[in-house]
Amino acid sequence: MTHNSSRENQSSPVGTAGPEPESAEDLVWGVHPVQEALEKDPTTIREITVQQGKTGYRLQRLIDLARDQGVLVRFASTDRLGVPRHCRHQGVVARLNAVRVFPFPHLLERLADHSQEKPRTVLALDSLQDPRNLGSILRSALAAGFSDVLMTRERSVPLTGTVVRASAGAVAHLHLYQVGNLVDALDSLKKHGYWIYGTVTEQSAASIYTVDFSGPICVVIGSEGKGLRPLVRKQSDFLVTIPMQAAFNSLNVSVAAAIVMFEIVRRYPE
């Protein structure tokens, strides 16, 4: 289906739970170990932190390699590297995901390959902060058949062991993609025929029980408390909500996400 704006404008039911402390991350430090991790499988690396002011040919080559692979590179003072005090880090530390996460272009390559079946449903998560909420949403996504999930790279909780445990292992069966700019990613999905549905709490938005979810769709869930960011809302074709009784208009984000996903597959089974 070619994307256009012909449908009438039919906003994320989000929760209010804030972020919780995360368990310790797996780290790799030192130029050679980090470079080996990059060359072996860059999808396991969430980000690389480089000591401010540190220079050198090998270090610069590592930074260039990381950026070529789509891995986020940050710069920080020595006391902000987050490594044990007496380790020989050589000015570079890699933080690892607990599971593989692919750059967004991998999904676009799949969509462009006409020999592969295009996923009918895609889930996008805009800046989730709580690891247990994220894990629960990923568990529901697998159960509902949303096997392709986009996550913001810089504003989201990392995929650590807490997320994996909360997902009950679902993360191992999903296609997870990191995006540097969610607005641009949604625009790319539109060009591949997807309609973008942003979920919101406003009861003036279209009800999930009556809106048309046919065709390839991407459902966007906002963060705890703040919901969708303004530019993400603007990029959405439709804003939808879960109708609620009287003055109560907020659900935990993981509960809301599950309701939306299962309503879609109930009405439009594969």
Protein backbone atom coordinates (compact mmCIF):
# COMPACT_ATOMS: atom_id res chain seq x y z
CA MET A 1 0.00 0.00 0.00
CA THR A 2 1.37 3.41 -0.94
CA HIS A 3 1.32 5.84 1.96
CA ASN A 4 -0.88 8.92 1.67
CA SER A 5 -3.02 11.05 3.96
CA SER A 6 -6.44 10.17 2.62
CA ARG A 7 -7.79 8.60 5.82
CA GLU A 8 -9.53 10.98 8.18
CA ASN A 9 -7.57 11.80 11.30
CA GLN A 10 -8.95 9.16 13.50
CA SER A 11 -3.11 10.10 20.92
CA SER A 12 -0.14 6.79 23.89
CA PRO A 13 -2.19 5.69 26.68
CA VAL A 14 0.76 6.00 28.95
CA GLY A 15 1.51 5.13 32.54
CA THR A 16 2.96 7.28 35.26
CA ALA A 17 5.53 4.88 36.65
CA GLY A 18 8.99 6.43 36.79
CA PRO A 19 12.34 4.80 36.15
CA GLU A 20 13.75 2.28 38.59
CA PRO A 21 17.38 1.58 39.39
CA GLU A 22 19.04 -0.68 36.83
CA SER A 23 21.34 -3.59 37.55
CA ALA A 24 25.05 -3.35 36.71
CA GLU A 25 25.85 -3.31 33.01
CA ASP A 26 28.36 -5.56 31.28
CA LEU A 27 31.42 -3.56 30.30
CA VAL A 28 34.39 -4.09 28.00
CA TRP A 29 37.34 -1.70 28.29
CA GLY A 30 40.62 -1.13 26.50
CA VAL A 31 41.22 -0.32 22.84
CA HIS A 32 41.91 -3.86 21.64
CA PRO A 33 39.05 -5.64 23.54
CA VAL A 34 36.53 -3.00 22.43
CA GLN A 35 37.71 -3.20 18.82
CA GLU A 36 37.39 -7.00 18.92
CA ALA A 37 33.82 -6.69 20.22
CA LEU A 38 33.00 -4.23 17.43
CA GLU A 39 34.45 -6.45 14.73
CA LYS A 40 32.85 -9.63 16.07
CA ASP A 41 29.28 -8.38 16.52
CA PRO A 42 28.48 -4.65 16.81
CA THR A 43 24.82 -5.44 17.54
CA THR A 44 25.81 -6.44 21.08
CA ILE A 45 27.22 -2.98 21.88
CA ARG A 46 24.85 -0.32 23.19
CA GLU A 47 27.35 2.53 23.26
CA ILE A 48 31.04 3.36 23.54
CA THR A 49 32.33 5.99 25.96
CA VAL A 50 35.66 7.68 25.18
CA GLN A 51 37.70 9.69 27.67
CA GLN A 52 37.63 13.40 26.85
CA GLY A 53 40.96 14.67 25.54
CA LYS A 54 42.27 11.18 24.79
CA THR A 55 43.86 10.92 21.34
CA GLY A 56 45.78 8.44 19.24
CA TYR A 57 45.60 6.68 15.90
CA ARG A 58 44.23 3.39 17.26
CA LEU A 59 41.61 5.15 19.34
CA GLN A 60 40.47 7.30 16.42
CA ARG A 61 40.28 4.24 14.18
CA LEU A 62 38.08 2.56 16.80
CA ILE A 63 35.80 5.62 16.98
CA ASP A 64 35.48 5.68 13.19
CA LEU A 65 34.68 1.96 13.12
CA ALA A 66 32.01 2.36 15.79
CA ARG A 67 30.32 5.19 13.90
CA ASP A 68 30.47 3.23 10.65
CA GLN A 69 28.70 0.35 12.44
CA GLY A 70 25.97 2.66 13.80
CA VAL A 71 27.16 2.41 17.42
CA LEU A 72 26.66 5.49 19.58
CA VAL A 73 29.92 7.15 20.72
CA ARG A 74 29.96 9.42 23.77
CA PHE A 75 32.76 11.42 25.39
CA ALA A 76 33.15 11.78 29.16
CA SER A 77 35.67 12.73 31.83
CA THR A 78 37.74 9.95 33.39
CA ASP A 79 35.59 9.78 36.53
CA ARG A 80 32.46 9.34 34.37
CA LEU A 81 33.63 6.31 32.41
CA GLY A 82 31.97 3.99 34.93
CA VAL A 83 34.78 1.42 35.18
CA PRO A 84 36.56 0.01 38.25
CA ARG A 85 39.02 2.56 39.61
CA HIS A 86 42.28 0.74 38.91
CA CYS A 87 41.47 -0.92 35.57
CA ARG A 88 43.58 -0.15 32.48
CA HIS A 89 40.80 1.21 30.28
CA GLN A 90 43.04 3.15 27.84
CA GLY A 91 40.35 5.80 27.61
CA VAL A 92 37.60 3.68 26.04
CA VAL A 93 34.72 1.63 27.46
CA ALA A 94 31.97 -0.32 25.66
CA ARG A 95 28.61 -0.93 27.30
CA LEU A 96 26.93 -4.09 26.12
CA ASN A 97 23.32 -4.98 25.49
CA ALA A 98 22.09 -8.19 27.06
CA VAL A 99 20.68 -9.17 23.64
CA ARG A 100 21.37 -8.32 20.02
CA VAL A 101 20.00 -5.02 18.77
CA PHE A 102 20.21 -4.13 15.08
CA PRO A 103 20.62 -0.72 13.44
CA PHE A 104 17.38 0.52 11.85
CA PRO A 105 18.72 0.20 8.26
CA HIS A 106 18.59 -3.58 8.71
CA LEU A 107 14.78 -3.34 8.86
CA LEU A 108 14.68 -1.10 5.80
CA GLU A 109 16.75 -3.67 3.91
CA ARG A 110 14.20 -6.33 4.84
CA LEU A 111 11.33 -4.14 3.68
CA ALA A 112 13.08 -3.45 0.37
CA ASP A 113 13.68 -7.16 -0.24
CA HIS A 114 10.52 -8.26 -2.04
CA SER A 115 11.46 -11.92 -1.59
CA GLN A 116 10.72 -11.51 2.14
CA GLU A 117 7.26 -11.05 3.59
CA LYS A 118 6.71 -7.55 4.98
CA PRO A 119 5.66 -7.51 8.67
CA ARG A 120 2.08 -6.21 8.96
CA THR A 121 2.66 -4.70 12.39
CA VAL A 122 5.64 -2.81 13.82
CA LEU A 123 5.94 -1.48 17.37
CA ALA A 124 7.89 1.70 18.14
CA LEU A 125 8.83 2.73 21.69
CA ASP A 126 9.52 6.42 22.27
CA SER A 127 11.98 6.85 25.16
CA LEU A 128 10.86 4.16 27.62
CA GLN A 129 12.68 4.64 30.95
CA ASP A 130 11.73 1.73 33.19
CA PRO A 131 13.42 -1.64 32.46
CA ARG A 132 10.51 -3.64 33.84
CA ASN A 133 7.99 -1.76 31.74
CA LEU A 134 10.16 -2.31 28.67
CA GLY A 135 10.51 -6.02 29.39
CA SER A 136 6.79 -6.42 29.95
CA ILE A 137 5.97 -4.61 26.69
CA LEU A 138 8.39 -6.81 24.75
CA ARG A 139 6.78 -9.90 26.28
CA SER A 140 3.33 -8.70 25.17
CA ALA A 141 4.68 -7.76 21.73
CA LEU A 142 5.88 -11.31 21.12
CA ALA A 143 2.59 -12.78 22.32
CA ALA A 144 0.60 -10.42 20.08
CA GLY A 145 2.76 -11.03 17.02
CA PHE A 146 4.55 -7.66 16.92
CA SER A 147 7.91 -9.22 16.14
CA ASP A 148 9.63 -6.02 14.92
CA VAL A 149 10.29 -3.38 17.58
CA LEU A 150 11.96 0.03 17.22
CA MET A 151 13.59 1.69 20.24
CA THR A 152 15.15 5.11 20.56
CA ARG A 153 18.90 4.81 21.01
CA GLU A 154 19.77 7.74 23.26
CA ARG A 155 16.70 8.27 25.45
CA SER A 156 15.69 4.72 26.36
CA VAL A 157 16.63 2.34 29.12
CA PRO A 158 19.35 -0.09 27.91
CA LEU A 159 18.59 -3.73 27.21
CA THR A 160 20.16 -5.18 30.32
CA GLY A 161 19.47 -8.33 32.31
CA THR A 162 16.53 -6.72 34.11
CA VAL A 163 14.77 -6.14 30.79
CA VAL A 164 15.50 -9.68 29.64
CA ARG A 165 14.11 -11.16 32.86
CA ALA A 166 11.00 -8.96 32.75
CA SER A 167 10.38 -10.09 29.17
CA ALA A 168 10.48 -13.75 30.27
CA GLY A 169 12.93 -14.41 27.44
CA ALA A 170 10.79 -12.81 24.73
CA VAL A 171 13.67 -10.57 23.60
CA ALA A 172 15.45 -13.58 22.13
CA HIS A 173 12.57 -14.07 19.66
CA LEU A 174 12.05 -10.46 18.54
CA HIS A 175 13.72 -8.29 15.91
CA LEU A 176 14.92 -5.29 17.92
CA TYR A 177 16.15 -2.13 16.18
CA GLN A 178 17.79 1.00 17.55
CA VAL A 179 17.00 4.34 15.92
CA GLY A 180 18.96 7.54 16.35
CA ASN A 181 16.02 9.68 15.22
CA LEU A 182 12.56 8.16 15.66
CA VAL A 183 10.84 10.85 13.58
CA ASP A 184 13.05 10.04 10.59
CA ALA A 185 12.54 6.31 11.14
CA LEU A 186 8.76 6.71 11.11
CA ASP A 187 9.01 8.74 7.92
CA SER A 188 11.01 5.90 6.35
CA LEU A 189 8.30 3.43 7.35
CA LYS A 190 5.69 5.65 5.71
CA LYS A 191 7.65 5.46 2.46
CA HIS A 192 7.37 1.68 2.70
CA GLY A 193 3.58 1.88 3.00
CA TYR A 194 3.10 1.95 6.78
CA TRP A 195 0.52 4.03 8.63
CA ILE A 196 1.74 5.50 11.93
CA TYR A 197 -0.57 5.33 14.97
CA GLY A 198 0.55 7.37 17.97
CA THR A 199 -1.05 6.38 21.28
CA VAL A 200 -2.10 9.12 23.70
CA THR A 201 -4.20 9.61 26.83
CA GLU A 202 -6.49 12.36 25.50
CA GLN A 203 -10.01 10.99 25.32
CA SER A 204 -10.69 13.27 22.34
CA ALA A 205 -8.47 11.03 20.21
CA ALA A 206 -9.93 8.17 18.17
CA SER A 207 -10.89 5.04 20.10
CA ILE A 208 -8.76 1.94 19.51
CA TYR A 209 -12.04 0.00 19.35
CA THR A 210 -13.31 1.83 16.26
CA VAL A 211 -10.27 3.09 14.35
CA ASP A 212 -9.19 1.39 11.12
CA PHE A 213 -6.00 -0.60 11.75
CA SER A 214 -5.95 -2.37 8.39
CA GLY A 215 -2.87 -2.38 6.20
CA PRO A 216 0.76 -2.27 7.32
CA ILE A 217 0.86 -0.27 10.56
CA CYS A 218 3.33 1.01 13.13
CA VAL A 219 2.05 1.63 16.66
CA VAL A 220 4.05 4.14 18.72
CA ILE A 221 4.05 3.98 22.53
CA GLY A 222 5.26 6.99 24.51
CA SER A 223 7.36 7.14 27.66
CA GLU A 224 6.16 6.88 31.23
CA GLY A 225 4.68 10.16 32.38
CA LYS A 226 5.52 12.29 29.31
CA GLY A 227 4.03 10.16 26.54
CA LEU A 228 4.94 10.88 22.93
CA ARG A 229 7.35 13.69 22.19
CA PRO A 230 5.81 16.56 20.14
CA LEU A 231 7.62 15.78 16.87
CA VAL A 232 6.69 12.10 17.16
CA ARG A 233 3.04 13.07 17.64
CA LYS A 234 3.27 15.32 14.60
CA GLN A 235 4.74 12.50 12.51
CA SER A 236 1.85 10.18 13.43
CA ASP A 237 -0.91 9.76 10.86
CA PHE A 238 -3.47 9.08 13.58
CA LEU A 239 -3.66 9.59 17.34
CA VAL A 240 -5.55 6.87 19.19
CA THR A 241 -6.53 6.24 22.79
CA ILE A 242 -8.05 3.65 25.11
CA PRO A 243 -11.51 4.89 26.17
CA MET A 244 -11.75 5.07 29.97
CA GLN A 245 -14.39 5.77 32.56
CA ALA A 246 -15.00 9.23 34.05
CA ALA A 247 -12.00 11.06 35.51
CA PHE A 248 -9.56 8.13 35.39
CA ASN A 249 -7.47 8.39 32.26
CA SER A 250 -4.10 6.76 32.90
CA LEU A 251 -2.78 3.21 32.81
CA ASN A 252 0.67 1.80 33.34
CA VAL A 253 2.40 2.04 29.98
CA SER A 254 3.01 -1.71 29.72
CA VAL A 255 -0.66 -2.46 30.42
CA ALA A 256 -1.80 0.15 27.89
CA ALA A 257 0.58 -1.17 25.23
CA ALA A 258 -0.71 -4.72 25.70
CA ILE A 259 -4.34 -3.59 25.40
CA VAL A 260 -3.63 -1.75 22.15
CA MET A 261 -1.65 -4.56 20.56
CA PHE A 262 -4.11 -7.30 21.42
CA GLU A 263 -7.08 -5.22 20.25
CA ILE A 264 -5.36 -4.83 16.88
CA VAL A 265 -4.71 -8.55 16.45
CA ARG A 266 -8.21 -9.39 17.72
CA ARG A 267 -9.80 -7.32 14.99
CA TYR A 268 -7.20 -7.98 12.31
CA PRO A 269 -5.79 -11.48 12.85
CA GLU A 270 -2.99 -12.56 10.53
